[in-house]
């Protein structure tokens, strides 16, 4: 049996920015055409929540335009996003941190990996 000693480090305490590639096709494949873009938005929110560990996920309007650029049924197969975990400065906020999702313009997805931005 293995026992872990020491305190568990909370990932929520640090402010960080990372770039991810999200495979959208596996989320929207087989969905009704009129539900593809809304399903993709929900999938991005869930991905950001899981990756950054915050319940509060905010989408940049430019990201929304990029996702909807080909219409409700023409969602791109892959999309590159920048997820920024930021501090919530509002005094009545439920969460201390939130995640801000912005698009990254890219021509080719070959060989890309997750990058931490300083």
PDB file of N, CA and C in Angstrom:
ATOM      1  N   UNK A   1       0.836  -1.179   0.000  1.00  0.00           N
ATOM      2  CA  UNK A   1       0.000   0.000   0.000  1.00  0.00           C
ATOM      3  C   UNK A   1       0.876   1.237   0.000  1.00  0.00           C
ATOM      4  N   UNK A   2       0.427   2.203  -0.741  1.00  0.00           N
ATOM      5  CA  UNK A   2       1.182   3.444  -0.794  1.00  0.00           C
ATOM      6  C   UNK A   2       0.437   4.505   0.004  1.00  0.00           C
ATOM      7  N   UNK A   3       1.189   5.253   0.736  1.00  0.00           N
ATOM      8  CA  UNK A   3       0.579   6.337   1.498  1.00  0.00           C
ATOM      9  C   UNK A   3       1.207   7.650   1.050  1.00  0.00           C
ATOM     10  N   UNK A   4       0.362   8.612   0.852  1.00  0.00           N
ATOM     11  CA  UNK A   4       0.836   9.924   0.414  1.00  0.00           C
ATOM     12  C   UNK A   4       1.004  10.812   1.634  1.00  0.00           C
ATOM     13  N   UNK A   5       2.149  11.415   1.728  1.00  0.00           N
ATOM     14  CA  UNK A   5       2.394  12.335   2.828  1.00  0.00           C
ATOM     15  C   UNK A   5       2.527  13.736   2.265  1.00  0.00           C
ATOM     16  N   UNK A   6       2.200  14.704   3.065  1.00  0.00           N
ATOM     17  CA  UNK A   6       2.283  16.093   2.635  1.00  0.00           C
ATOM     18  C   UNK A   6       0.911  16.622   2.255  1.00  0.00           C
ATOM     19  N   UNK A   7       0.855  17.914   2.135  1.00  0.00           N
ATOM     20  CA  UNK A   7      -0.410  18.564   1.814  1.00  0.00           C
ATOM     21  C   UNK A   7      -0.643  18.525   0.308  1.00  0.00           C
ATOM     22  N   UNK A   8      -1.872  18.405  -0.068  1.00  0.00           N
ATOM     23  CA  UNK A   8      -2.232  18.411  -1.482  1.00  0.00           C
ATOM     24  C   UNK A   8      -2.251  19.853  -1.972  1.00  0.00           C
ATOM     25  N   UNK A   9      -1.556  20.113  -3.043  1.00  0.00           N
ATOM     26  CA  UNK A   9      -1.480  21.468  -3.587  1.00  0.00           C
ATOM     27  C   UNK A   9      -2.726  21.749  -4.419  1.00  0.00           C
ATOM     28  N   UNK A  10      -3.384  22.815  -4.131  1.00  0.00           N
ATOM     29  CA  UNK A  10      -4.583  23.186  -4.855  1.00  0.00           C
ATOM     30  C   UNK A  10      -4.197  23.929  -6.128  1.00  0.00           C
ATOM     31  N   UNK A  11      -4.707  23.468  -7.243  1.00  0.00           N
ATOM     32  CA  UNK A  11      -4.418  24.118  -8.518  1.00  0.00           C
ATOM     33  C   UNK A  11      -5.192  25.422  -8.668  1.00  0.00           C
ATOM     34  N   UNK A  12      -6.160  25.623  -7.812  1.00  0.00           N
ATOM     35  CA  UNK A  12      -6.991  26.820  -7.932  1.00  0.00           C
ATOM     36  C   UNK A  12      -6.290  28.087  -7.467  1.00  0.00           C
ATOM     37  N   UNK A  13      -5.209  27.958  -6.725  1.00  0.00           N
ATOM     38  CA  UNK A  13      -4.576  29.135  -6.144  1.00  0.00           C
ATOM     39  C   UNK A  13      -3.726  29.920  -7.120  1.00  0.00           C
ATOM     40  N   UNK A  14      -3.327  29.309  -8.220  1.00  0.00           N
ATOM     41  CA  UNK A  14      -2.438  30.013  -9.125  1.00  0.00           C
ATOM     42  C   UNK A  14      -3.169  30.520 -10.357  1.00  0.00           C
ATOM     43  N   UNK A  15      -2.766  31.702 -10.814  1.00  0.00           N
ATOM     44  CA  UNK A  15      -3.303  32.289 -12.031  1.00  0.00           C
ATOM     45  C   UNK A  15      -2.403  31.824 -13.174  1.00  0.00           C
ATOM     46  N   UNK A  16      -3.006  31.208 -14.182  1.00  0.00           N
ATOM     47  CA  UNK A  16      -2.214  30.615 -15.261  1.00  0.00           C
ATOM     48  C   UNK A  16      -2.979  30.730 -16.580  1.00  0.00           C
ATOM     49  N   UNK A  17      -2.221  30.705 -17.689  1.00  0.00           N
ATOM     50  CA  UNK A  17      -2.800  30.738 -19.024  1.00  0.00           C
ATOM     51  C   UNK A  17      -2.213  29.593 -19.837  1.00  0.00           C
ATOM     52  N   UNK A  18      -3.092  28.818 -20.478  1.00  0.00           N
ATOM     53  CA  UNK A  18      -2.646  27.692 -21.296  1.00  0.00           C
ATOM     54  C   UNK A  18      -3.390  27.688 -22.623  1.00  0.00           C
ATOM     55  N   UNK A  19      -2.737  27.114 -23.646  1.00  0.00           N
ATOM     56  CA  UNK A  19      -3.370  26.926 -24.954  1.00  0.00           C
ATOM     57  C   UNK A  19      -3.657  25.447 -25.151  1.00  0.00           C
ATOM     58  N   UNK A  20      -4.871  25.149 -25.562  1.00  0.00           N
ATOM     59  CA  UNK A  20      -5.310  23.780 -25.790  1.00  0.00           C
ATOM     60  C   UNK A  20      -5.902  23.655 -27.190  1.00  0.00           C
ATOM     61  N   UNK A  21      -5.871  22.454 -27.733  1.00  0.00           N
ATOM     62  CA  UNK A  21      -6.624  22.114 -28.939  1.00  0.00           C
ATOM     63  C   UNK A  21      -7.764  21.210 -28.500  1.00  0.00           C
ATOM     64  N   UNK A  22      -8.980  21.610 -28.839  1.00  0.00           N
ATOM     65  CA  UNK A  22     -10.156  20.829 -28.476  1.00  0.00           C
ATOM     66  C   UNK A  22     -10.679  20.150 -29.736  1.00  0.00           C
ATOM     67  N   UNK A  23     -10.853  18.840 -29.655  1.00  0.00           N
ATOM     68  CA  UNK A  23     -11.391  18.074 -30.770  1.00  0.00           C
ATOM     69  C   UNK A  23     -12.915  18.172 -30.712  1.00  0.00           C
ATOM     70  N   UNK A  24     -13.471  19.107 -31.487  1.00  0.00           N
ATOM     71  CA  UNK A  24     -14.904  19.376 -31.419  1.00  0.00           C
ATOM     72  C   UNK A  24     -15.735  18.297 -32.118  1.00  0.00           C
ATOM     73  N   UNK A  25     -15.148  17.643 -33.123  1.00  0.00           N
ATOM     74  CA  UNK A  25     -15.923  16.696 -33.921  1.00  0.00           C
ATOM     75  C   UNK A  25     -16.461  15.548 -33.072  1.00  0.00           C
ATOM     76  N   UNK A  26     -15.707  15.118 -32.062  1.00  0.00           N
ATOM     77  CA  UNK A  26     -16.193  14.013 -31.238  1.00  0.00           C
ATOM     78  C   UNK A  26     -17.353  14.434 -30.340  1.00  0.00           C
ATOM     79  N   UNK A  27     -17.522  15.730 -30.137  1.00  0.00           N
ATOM     80  CA  UNK A  27     -18.640  16.213 -29.320  1.00  0.00           C
ATOM     81  C   UNK A  27     -19.894  16.453 -30.153  1.00  0.00           C
ATOM     82  N   UNK A  28     -19.731  16.842 -31.418  1.00  0.00           N
ATOM     83  CA  UNK A  28     -20.902  17.188 -32.233  1.00  0.00           C
ATOM     84  C   UNK A  28     -21.264  16.123 -33.252  1.00  0.00           C
ATOM     85  N   UNK A  29     -20.428  15.089 -33.424  1.00  0.00           N
ATOM     86  CA  UNK A  29     -20.727  14.036 -34.392  1.00  0.00           C
ATOM     87  C   UNK A  29     -22.005  13.304 -33.989  1.00  0.00           C
ATOM     88  N   UNK A  30     -22.924  13.205 -34.937  1.00  0.00           N
ATOM     89  CA  UNK A  30     -24.180  12.521 -34.682  1.00  0.00           C
ATOM     90  C   UNK A  30     -25.261  13.395 -34.073  1.00  0.00           C
ATOM     91  N   UNK A  31     -24.921  14.633 -33.758  1.00  0.00           N
ATOM     92  CA  UNK A  31     -25.930  15.545 -33.203  1.00  0.00           C
ATOM     93  C   UNK A  31     -26.808  16.106 -34.317  1.00  0.00           C
ATOM     94  N   UNK A  32     -28.016  16.463 -33.973  1.00  0.00           N
ATOM     95  CA  UNK A  32     -28.913  17.124 -34.901  1.00  0.00           C
ATOM     96  C   UNK A  32     -28.262  18.415 -35.383  1.00  0.00           C
ATOM     97  N   UNK A  33     -28.409  18.724 -36.662  1.00  0.00           N
ATOM     98  CA  UNK A  33     -27.755  19.891 -37.243  1.00  0.00           C
ATOM     99  C   UNK A  33     -28.055  21.177 -36.480  1.00  0.00           C
ATOM    100  N   UNK A  34     -29.266  21.353 -36.056  1.00  0.00           N
ATOM    101  CA  UNK A  34     -29.647  22.593 -35.387  1.00  0.00           C
ATOM    102  C   UNK A  34     -29.169  22.660 -33.940  1.00  0.00           C
ATOM    103  N   UNK A  35     -28.511  21.605 -33.457  1.00  0.00           N
ATOM    104  CA  UNK A  35     -28.004  21.612 -32.082  1.00  0.00           C
ATOM    105  C   UNK A  35     -26.481  21.541 -32.028  1.00  0.00           C
ATOM    106  N   UNK A  36     -25.803  21.581 -33.186  1.00  0.00           N
ATOM    107  CA  UNK A  36     -24.358  21.369 -33.200  1.00  0.00           C
ATOM    108  C   UNK A  36     -23.576  22.496 -32.540  1.00  0.00           C
ATOM    109  N   UNK A  37     -23.804  23.743 -32.931  1.00  0.00           N
ATOM    110  CA  UNK A  37     -23.050  24.859 -32.339  1.00  0.00           C
ATOM    111  C   UNK A  37     -23.367  25.028 -30.852  1.00  0.00           C
ATOM    112  N   UNK A  38     -24.638  24.957 -30.432  1.00  0.00           N
ATOM    113  CA  UNK A  38     -24.902  25.033 -28.990  1.00  0.00           C
ATOM    114  C   UNK A  38     -24.249  23.894 -28.201  1.00  0.00           C
ATOM    115  N   UNK A  39     -24.208  22.698 -28.769  1.00  0.00           N
ATOM    116  CA  UNK A  39     -23.546  21.574 -28.115  1.00  0.00           C
ATOM    117  C   UNK A  39     -22.050  21.820 -28.014  1.00  0.00           C
ATOM    118  N   UNK A  40     -21.475  22.420 -29.049  1.00  0.00           N
ATOM    119  CA  UNK A  40     -20.042  22.733 -29.039  1.00  0.00           C
ATOM    120  C   UNK A  40     -19.713  23.756 -27.956  1.00  0.00           C
ATOM    121  N   UNK A  41     -20.564  24.739 -27.769  1.00  0.00           N
ATOM    122  CA  UNK A  41     -20.355  25.736 -26.717  1.00  0.00           C
ATOM    123  C   UNK A  41     -20.374  25.062 -25.347  1.00  0.00           C
ATOM    124  N   UNK A  42     -21.336  24.172 -25.138  1.00  0.00           N
ATOM    125  CA  UNK A  42     -21.418  23.455 -23.860  1.00  0.00           C
ATOM    126  C   UNK A  42     -20.193  22.579 -23.644  1.00  0.00           C
ATOM    127  N   UNK A  43     -19.697  21.958 -24.713  1.00  0.00           N
ATOM    128  CA  UNK A  43     -18.516  21.099 -24.610  1.00  0.00           C
ATOM    129  C   UNK A  43     -17.273  21.916 -24.250  1.00  0.00           C
ATOM    130  N   UNK A  44     -17.152  23.114 -24.819  1.00  0.00           N
ATOM    131  CA  UNK A  44     -16.010  23.987 -24.497  1.00  0.00           C
ATOM    132  C   UNK A  44     -16.094  24.428 -23.044  1.00  0.00           C
ATOM    133  N   UNK A  45     -17.277  24.785 -22.576  1.00  0.00           N
ATOM    134  CA  UNK A  45     -17.450  25.171 -21.169  1.00  0.00           C
ATOM    135  C   UNK A  45     -17.049  24.034 -20.231  1.00  0.00           C
ATOM    136  N   UNK A  46     -17.484  22.808 -20.546  1.00  0.00           N
ATOM    137  CA  UNK A  46     -17.143  21.667 -19.709  1.00  0.00           C
ATOM    138  C   UNK A  46     -15.643  21.375 -19.756  1.00  0.00           C
ATOM    139  N   UNK A  47     -15.038  21.476 -20.936  1.00  0.00           N
ATOM    140  CA  UNK A  47     -13.605  21.255 -21.070  1.00  0.00           C
ATOM    141  C   UNK A  47     -12.827  22.273 -20.237  1.00  0.00           C
ATOM    142  N   UNK A  48     -13.221  23.539 -20.316  1.00  0.00           N
ATOM    143  CA  UNK A  48     -12.535  24.589 -19.559  1.00  0.00           C
ATOM    144  C   UNK A  48     -12.714  24.388 -18.056  1.00  0.00           C
ATOM    145  N   UNK A  49     -13.895  23.967 -17.659  1.00  0.00           N
ATOM    146  CA  UNK A  49     -14.160  23.704 -16.239  1.00  0.00           C
ATOM    147  C   UNK A  49     -13.276  22.577 -15.717  1.00  0.00           C
ATOM    148  N   UNK A  50     -13.141  21.507 -16.506  1.00  0.00           N
ATOM    149  CA  UNK A  50     -12.324  20.368 -16.095  1.00  0.00           C
ATOM    150  C   UNK A  50     -10.837  20.702 -16.130  1.00  0.00           C
ATOM    151  N   UNK A  51     -10.399  21.415 -17.164  1.00  0.00           N
ATOM    152  CA  UNK A  51      -8.969  21.694 -17.334  1.00  0.00           C
ATOM    153  C   UNK A  51      -8.457  22.702 -16.313  1.00  0.00           C
ATOM    154  N   UNK A  52      -9.269  23.695 -15.989  1.00  0.00           N
ATOM    155  CA  UNK A  52      -8.810  24.762 -15.104  1.00  0.00           C
ATOM    156  C   UNK A  52      -9.347  24.653 -13.683  1.00  0.00           C
ATOM    157  N   UNK A  53     -10.338  23.813 -13.457  1.00  0.00           N
ATOM    158  CA  UNK A  53     -10.839  23.604 -12.112  1.00  0.00           C
ATOM    159  C   UNK A  53     -11.687  24.724 -11.558  1.00  0.00           C
ATOM    160  N   UNK A  54     -12.332  25.499 -12.430  1.00  0.00           N
ATOM    161  CA  UNK A  54     -13.219  26.569 -11.973  1.00  0.00           C
ATOM    162  C   UNK A  54     -14.621  26.323 -12.517  1.00  0.00           C
ATOM    163  N   UNK A  55     -15.612  26.660 -11.723  1.00  0.00           N
ATOM    164  CA  UNK A  55     -17.001  26.524 -12.162  1.00  0.00           C
ATOM    165  C   UNK A  55     -17.414  27.689 -13.063  1.00  0.00           C
ATOM    166  N   UNK A  56     -16.822  28.858 -12.825  1.00  0.00           N
ATOM    167  CA  UNK A  56     -17.160  30.068 -13.571  1.00  0.00           C
ATOM    168  C   UNK A  56     -16.326  30.119 -14.850  1.00  0.00           C
ATOM    169  N   UNK A  57     -16.961  29.877 -16.006  1.00  0.00           N
ATOM    170  CA  UNK A  57     -16.278  29.909 -17.305  1.00  0.00           C
ATOM    171  C   UNK A  57     -16.924  31.000 -18.140  1.00  0.00           C
ATOM    172  N   UNK A  58     -16.095  31.926 -18.648  1.00  0.00           N
ATOM    173  CA  UNK A  58     -16.590  33.038 -19.460  1.00  0.00           C
ATOM    174  C   UNK A  58     -15.998  32.938 -20.856  1.00  0.00           C
ATOM    175  N   UNK A  59     -16.842  33.131 -21.862  1.00  0.00           N
ATOM    176  CA  UNK A  59     -16.410  33.028 -23.248  1.00  0.00           C
ATOM    177  C   UNK A  59     -16.244  34.413 -23.845  1.00  0.00           C
ATOM    178  N   UNK A  60     -15.123  34.609 -24.536  1.00  0.00           N
ATOM    179  CA  UNK A  60     -14.867  35.861 -25.239  1.00  0.00           C
ATOM    180  C   UNK A  60     -15.833  35.980 -26.424  1.00  0.00           C
ATOM    181  N   UNK A  61     -16.362  37.152 -26.702  1.00  0.00           N
ATOM    182  CA  UNK A  61     -17.245  37.302 -27.870  1.00  0.00           C
ATOM    183  C   UNK A  61     -16.574  36.907 -29.193  1.00  0.00           C
ATOM    184  N   UNK A  62     -15.268  37.123 -29.292  1.00  0.00           N
ATOM    185  CA  UNK A  62     -14.557  36.714 -30.504  1.00  0.00           C
ATOM    186  C   UNK A  62     -14.529  35.186 -30.636  1.00  0.00           C
ATOM    187  N   UNK A  63     -14.426  34.499 -29.504  1.00  0.00           N
ATOM    188  CA  UNK A  63     -14.488  33.032 -29.537  1.00  0.00           C
ATOM    189  C   UNK A  63     -15.851  32.573 -30.015  1.00  0.00           C
ATOM    190  N   UNK A  64     -16.893  33.202 -29.520  1.00  0.00           N
ATOM    191  CA  UNK A  64     -18.259  32.855 -29.923  1.00  0.00           C
ATOM    192  C   UNK A  64     -18.435  33.061 -31.428  1.00  0.00           C
ATOM    193  N   UNK A  65     -17.907  34.175 -31.944  1.00  0.00           N
ATOM    194  CA  UNK A  65     -18.010  34.452 -33.379  1.00  0.00           C
ATOM    195  C   UNK A  65     -17.226  33.424 -34.187  1.00  0.00           C
ATOM    196  N   UNK A  66     -16.058  33.034 -33.684  1.00  0.00           N
ATOM    197  CA  UNK A  66     -15.230  32.051 -34.392  1.00  0.00           C
ATOM    198  C   UNK A  66     -15.930  30.699 -34.447  1.00  0.00           C
ATOM    199  N   UNK A  67     -16.572  30.308 -33.353  1.00  0.00           N
ATOM    200  CA  UNK A  67     -17.253  29.008 -33.323  1.00  0.00           C
ATOM    201  C   UNK A  67     -18.488  29.009 -34.223  1.00  0.00           C
ATOM    202  N   UNK A  68     -19.198  30.124 -34.242  1.00  0.00           N
ATOM    203  CA  UNK A  68     -20.428  30.231 -35.025  1.00  0.00           C
ATOM    204  C   UNK A  68     -20.172  30.727 -36.450  1.00  0.00           C
ATOM    205  N   UNK A  69     -18.921  30.930 -36.852  1.00  0.00           N
ATOM    206  CA  UNK A  69     -18.619  31.550 -38.147  1.00  0.00           C
ATOM    207  C   UNK A  69     -19.139  30.749 -39.335  1.00  0.00           C
ATOM    208  N   UNK A  70     -19.218  29.430 -39.213  1.00  0.00           N
ATOM    209  CA  UNK A  70     -19.711  28.588 -40.302  1.00  0.00           C
ATOM    210  C   UNK A  70     -21.167  28.172 -40.091  1.00  0.00           C
ATOM    211  N   UNK A  71     -21.841  28.839 -39.179  1.00  0.00           N
ATOM    212  CA  UNK A  71     -23.256  28.569 -38.963  1.00  0.00           C
ATOM    213  C   UNK A  71     -23.495  27.577 -37.837  1.00  0.00           C
ATOM    214  N   UNK A  72     -24.766  27.231 -37.671  1.00  0.00           N
ATOM    215  CA  UNK A  72     -25.152  26.376 -36.548  1.00  0.00           C
ATOM    216  C   UNK A  72     -24.730  24.926 -36.770  1.00  0.00           C
ATOM    217  N   UNK A  73     -24.616  24.496 -38.030  1.00  0.00           N
ATOM    218  CA  UNK A  73     -24.308  23.095 -38.276  1.00  0.00           C
ATOM    219  C   UNK A  73     -22.906  22.856 -38.824  1.00  0.00           C
ATOM    220  N   UNK A  74     -22.135  23.910 -39.071  1.00  0.00           N
ATOM    221  CA  UNK A  74     -20.811  23.756 -39.661  1.00  0.00           C
ATOM    222  C   UNK A  74     -19.683  23.967 -38.672  1.00  0.00           C
ATOM    223  N   UNK A  75     -19.744  23.312 -37.542  1.00  0.00           N
ATOM    224  CA  UNK A  75     -18.720  23.481 -36.500  1.00  0.00           C
ATOM    225  C   UNK A  75     -17.411  22.850 -36.979  1.00  0.00           C
ATOM    226  N   UNK A  76     -16.306  23.567 -36.742  1.00  0.00           N
ATOM    227  CA  UNK A  76     -14.979  23.065 -37.124  1.00  0.00           C
ATOM    228  C   UNK A  76     -14.680  21.756 -36.397  1.00  0.00           C
ATOM    229  N   UNK A  77     -13.841  20.922 -36.998  1.00  0.00           N
ATOM    230  CA  UNK A  77     -13.484  19.654 -36.367  1.00  0.00           C
ATOM    231  C   UNK A  77     -12.591  19.858 -35.148  1.00  0.00           C
ATOM    232  N   UNK A  78     -11.690  20.834 -35.238  1.00  0.00           N
ATOM    233  CA  UNK A  78     -10.815  21.158 -34.105  1.00  0.00           C
ATOM    234  C   UNK A  78     -10.787  22.658 -33.925  1.00  0.00           C
ATOM    235  N   UNK A  79     -10.563  23.084 -32.686  1.00  0.00           N
ATOM    236  CA  UNK A  79     -10.452  24.512 -32.402  1.00  0.00           C
ATOM    237  C   UNK A  79      -9.365  24.710 -31.354  1.00  0.00           C
ATOM    238  N   UNK A  80      -8.551  25.730 -31.548  1.00  0.00           N
ATOM    239  CA  UNK A  80      -7.459  26.040 -30.619  1.00  0.00           C
ATOM    240  C   UNK A  80      -7.939  27.171 -29.722  1.00  0.00           C
ATOM    241  N   UNK A  81      -7.822  26.972 -28.415  1.00  0.00           N
ATOM    242  CA  UNK A  81      -8.301  27.976 -27.458  1.00  0.00           C
ATOM    243  C   UNK A  81      -7.215  28.302 -26.452  1.00  0.00           C
ATOM    244  N   UNK A  82      -7.290  29.502 -25.916  1.00  0.00           N
ATOM    245  CA  UNK A  82      -6.423  29.937 -24.821  1.00  0.00           C
ATOM    246  C   UNK A  82      -7.296  30.077 -23.581  1.00  0.00           C
ATOM    247  N   UNK A  83      -6.989  29.285 -22.564  1.00  0.00           N
ATOM    248  CA  UNK A  83      -7.738  29.325 -21.307  1.00  0.00           C
ATOM    249  C   UNK A  83      -6.920  30.068 -20.273  1.00  0.00           C
ATOM    250  N   UNK A  84      -7.502  31.121 -19.716  1.00  0.00           N
ATOM    251  CA  UNK A  84      -6.826  31.931 -18.709  1.00  0.00           C
ATOM    252  C   UNK A  84      -7.591  31.839 -17.402  1.00  0.00           C
ATOM    253  N   UNK A  85      -6.915  31.375 -16.365  1.00  0.00           N
ATOM    254  CA  UNK A  85      -7.519  31.354 -15.038  1.00  0.00           C
ATOM    255  C   UNK A  85      -7.182  32.684 -14.383  1.00  0.00           C
ATOM    256  N   UNK A  86      -8.212  33.438 -14.018  1.00  0.00           N
ATOM    257  CA  UNK A  86      -8.031  34.789 -13.483  1.00  0.00           C
ATOM    258  C   UNK A  86      -8.724  34.918 -12.144  1.00  0.00           C
ATOM    259  N   UNK A  87      -8.287  35.909 -11.380  1.00  0.00           N
ATOM    260  CA  UNK A  87      -8.910  36.190 -10.086  1.00  0.00           C
ATOM    261  C   UNK A  87     -10.189  36.998 -10.297  1.00  0.00           C
ATOM    262  N   UNK A  88     -11.192  36.671  -9.506  1.00  0.00           N
ATOM    263  CA  UNK A  88     -12.461  37.377  -9.568  1.00  0.00           C
ATOM    264  C   UNK A  88     -12.423  38.490  -8.531  1.00  0.00           C
ATOM    265  N   UNK A  89     -12.442  39.743  -8.989  1.00  0.00           N
ATOM    266  CA  UNK A  89     -12.285  40.893  -8.094  1.00  0.00           C
ATOM    267  C   UNK A  89     -13.600  41.393  -7.501  1.00  0.00           C
ATOM    268  N   UNK A  90     -14.714  40.882  -7.960  1.00  0.00           N
ATOM    269  CA  UNK A  90     -16.000  41.313  -7.411  1.00  0.00           C
ATOM    270  C   UNK A  90     -16.135  40.794  -5.982  1.00  0.00           C
ATOM    271  N   UNK A  91     -16.555  41.669  -5.085  1.00  0.00           N
ATOM    272  CA  UNK A  91     -16.617  41.277  -3.674  1.00  0.00           C
ATOM    273  C   UNK A  91     -17.764  40.316  -3.371  1.00  0.00           C
ATOM    274  N   UNK A  92     -18.808  40.308  -4.203  1.00  0.00           N
ATOM    275  CA  UNK A  92     -19.936  39.414  -3.954  1.00  0.00           C
ATOM    276  C   UNK A  92     -19.875  38.146  -4.815  1.00  0.00           C
ATOM    277  N   UNK A  93     -18.700  37.810  -5.324  1.00  0.00           N
ATOM    278  CA  UNK A  93     -18.553  36.651  -6.208  1.00  0.00           C
ATOM    279  C   UNK A  93     -18.577  35.349  -5.405  1.00  0.00           C
ATOM    280  N   UNK A  94     -19.212  34.330  -5.985  1.00  0.00           N
ATOM    281  CA  UNK A  94     -19.249  33.021  -5.346  1.00  0.00           C
ATOM    282  C   UNK A  94     -17.902  32.317  -5.467  1.00  0.00           C
ATOM    283  N   UNK A  95     -17.281  32.450  -6.634  1.00  0.00           N
ATOM    284  CA  UNK A  95     -16.001  31.797  -6.910  1.00  0.00           C
ATOM    285  C   UNK A  95     -14.863  32.801  -6.810  1.00  0.00           C
ATOM    286  N   UNK A  96     -13.713  32.361  -6.329  1.00  0.00           N
ATOM    287  CA  UNK A  96     -12.544  33.241  -6.236  1.00  0.00           C
ATOM    288  C   UNK A  96     -11.862  33.426  -7.586  1.00  0.00           C
ATOM    289  N   UNK A  97     -11.976  32.412  -8.434  1.00  0.00           N
ATOM    290  CA  UNK A  97     -11.327  32.442  -9.742  1.00  0.00           C
ATOM    291  C   UNK A  97     -12.337  32.140 -10.838  1.00  0.00           C
ATOM    292  N   UNK A  98     -12.023  32.607 -12.054  1.00  0.00           N
ATOM    293  CA  UNK A  98     -12.842  32.257 -13.205  1.00  0.00           C
ATOM    294  C   UNK A  98     -11.923  31.953 -14.381  1.00  0.00           C
ATOM    295  N   UNK A  99     -12.457  31.273 -15.380  1.00  0.00           N
ATOM    296  CA  UNK A  99     -11.710  30.924 -16.578  1.00  0.00           C
ATOM    297  C   UNK A  99     -12.247  31.735 -17.745  1.00  0.00           C
ATOM    298  N   UNK A 100     -11.319  32.353 -18.504  1.00  0.00           N
ATOM    299  CA  UNK A 100     -11.685  33.154 -19.669  1.00  0.00           C
ATOM    300  C   UNK A 100     -11.187  32.437 -20.919  1.00  0.00           C
ATOM    301  N   UNK A 101     -12.099  32.167 -21.854  1.00  0.00           N
ATOM    302  CA  UNK A 101     -11.785  31.406 -23.059  1.00  0.00           C
ATOM    303  C   UNK A 101     -11.693  32.356 -24.247  1.00  0.00           C
ATOM    304  N   UNK A 102     -10.522  32.347 -24.932  1.00  0.00           N
ATOM    305  CA  UNK A 102     -10.328  33.163 -26.126  1.00  0.00           C
ATOM    306  C   UNK A 102      -9.859  32.263 -27.273  1.00  0.00           C
ATOM    307  N   UNK A 103     -10.152  32.645 -28.512  1.00  0.00           N
ATOM    308  CA  UNK A 103      -9.720  31.815 -29.646  1.00  0.00           C
ATOM    309  C   UNK A 103      -8.268  32.114 -30.022  1.00  0.00           C
ATOM    310  N   UNK A 104      -7.612  31.127 -30.619  1.00  0.00           N
ATOM    311  CA  UNK A 104      -6.271  31.296 -31.163  1.00  0.00           C
ATOM    312  C   UNK A 104      -6.363  30.977 -32.647  1.00  0.00           C
ATOM    313  N   UNK A 105      -5.974  31.939 -33.480  1.00  0.00           N
ATOM    314  CA  UNK A 105      -6.020  31.730 -34.918  1.00  0.00           C
ATOM    315  C   UNK A 105      -4.825  30.887 -35.343  1.00  0.00           C
ATOM    316  N   UNK A 106      -5.095  29.819 -36.064  1.00  0.00           N
ATOM    317  CA  UNK A 106      -4.052  28.878 -36.458  1.00  0.00           C
ATOM    318  C   UNK A 106      -4.436  28.267 -37.802  1.00  0.00           C
ATOM    319  N   UNK A 107      -3.423  27.927 -38.612  1.00  0.00           N
ATOM    320  CA  UNK A 107      -3.711  27.362 -39.926  1.00  0.00           C
ATOM    321  C   UNK A 107      -3.621  25.845 -39.933  1.00  0.00           C
ATOM    322  N   UNK A 108      -2.731  25.271 -39.118  1.00  0.00           N
ATOM    323  CA  UNK A 108      -2.506  23.835 -39.137  1.00  0.00           C
ATOM    324  C   UNK A 108      -2.431  23.313 -37.706  1.00  0.00           C
ATOM    325  N   UNK A 109      -3.098  22.199 -37.434  1.00  0.00           N
ATOM    326  CA  UNK A 109      -3.129  21.631 -36.091  1.00  0.00           C
ATOM    327  C   UNK A 109      -2.087  20.540 -35.883  1.00  0.00           C
ATOM    328  N   UNK A 110      -1.302  20.235 -36.902  1.00  0.00           N
ATOM    329  CA  UNK A 110      -0.345  19.138 -36.821  1.00  0.00           C
ATOM    330  C   UNK A 110       0.758  19.443 -35.812  1.00  0.00           C
ATOM    331  N   UNK A 111       1.004  18.504 -34.912  1.00  0.00           N
ATOM    332  CA  UNK A 111       2.121  18.601 -33.980  1.00  0.00           C
ATOM    333  C   UNK A 111       1.943  19.567 -32.822  1.00  0.00           C
ATOM    334  N   UNK A 112       0.752  20.115 -32.642  1.00  0.00           N
ATOM    335  CA  UNK A 112       0.526  21.054 -31.549  1.00  0.00           C
ATOM    336  C   UNK A 112       0.303  20.313 -30.239  1.00  0.00           C
ATOM    337  N   UNK A 113       0.798  20.878 -29.162  1.00  0.00           N
ATOM    338  CA  UNK A 113       0.576  20.337 -27.839  1.00  0.00           C
ATOM    339  C   UNK A 113       0.119  21.458 -26.927  1.00  0.00           C
ATOM    340  N   UNK A 114      -0.288  21.087 -25.717  1.00  0.00           N
ATOM    341  CA  UNK A 114      -0.706  22.081 -24.743  1.00  0.00           C
ATOM    342  C   UNK A 114       0.495  22.920 -24.337  1.00  0.00           C
ATOM    343  N   UNK A 115       0.324  24.234 -24.350  1.00  0.00           N
ATOM    344  CA  UNK A 115       1.401  25.146 -23.997  1.00  0.00           C
ATOM    345  C   UNK A 115       0.968  26.023 -22.835  1.00  0.00           C
ATOM    346  N   UNK A 116       1.901  26.250 -21.913  1.00  0.00           N
ATOM    347  CA  UNK A 116       1.657  27.196 -20.829  1.00  0.00           C
ATOM    348  C   UNK A 116       2.242  28.537 -21.243  1.00  0.00           C
ATOM    349  N   UNK A 117       1.419  29.578 -21.182  1.00  0.00           N
ATOM    350  CA  UNK A 117       1.823  30.921 -21.587  1.00  0.00           C
ATOM    351  C   UNK A 117       2.201  31.701 -20.330  1.00  0.00           C
ATOM    352  N   UNK A 118       3.302  32.409 -20.375  1.00  0.00           N
ATOM    353  CA  UNK A 118       3.718  33.228 -19.227  1.00  0.00           C
ATOM    354  C   UNK A 118       3.154  34.612 -19.280  1.00  0.00           C
TER     355      UNK A 118
END
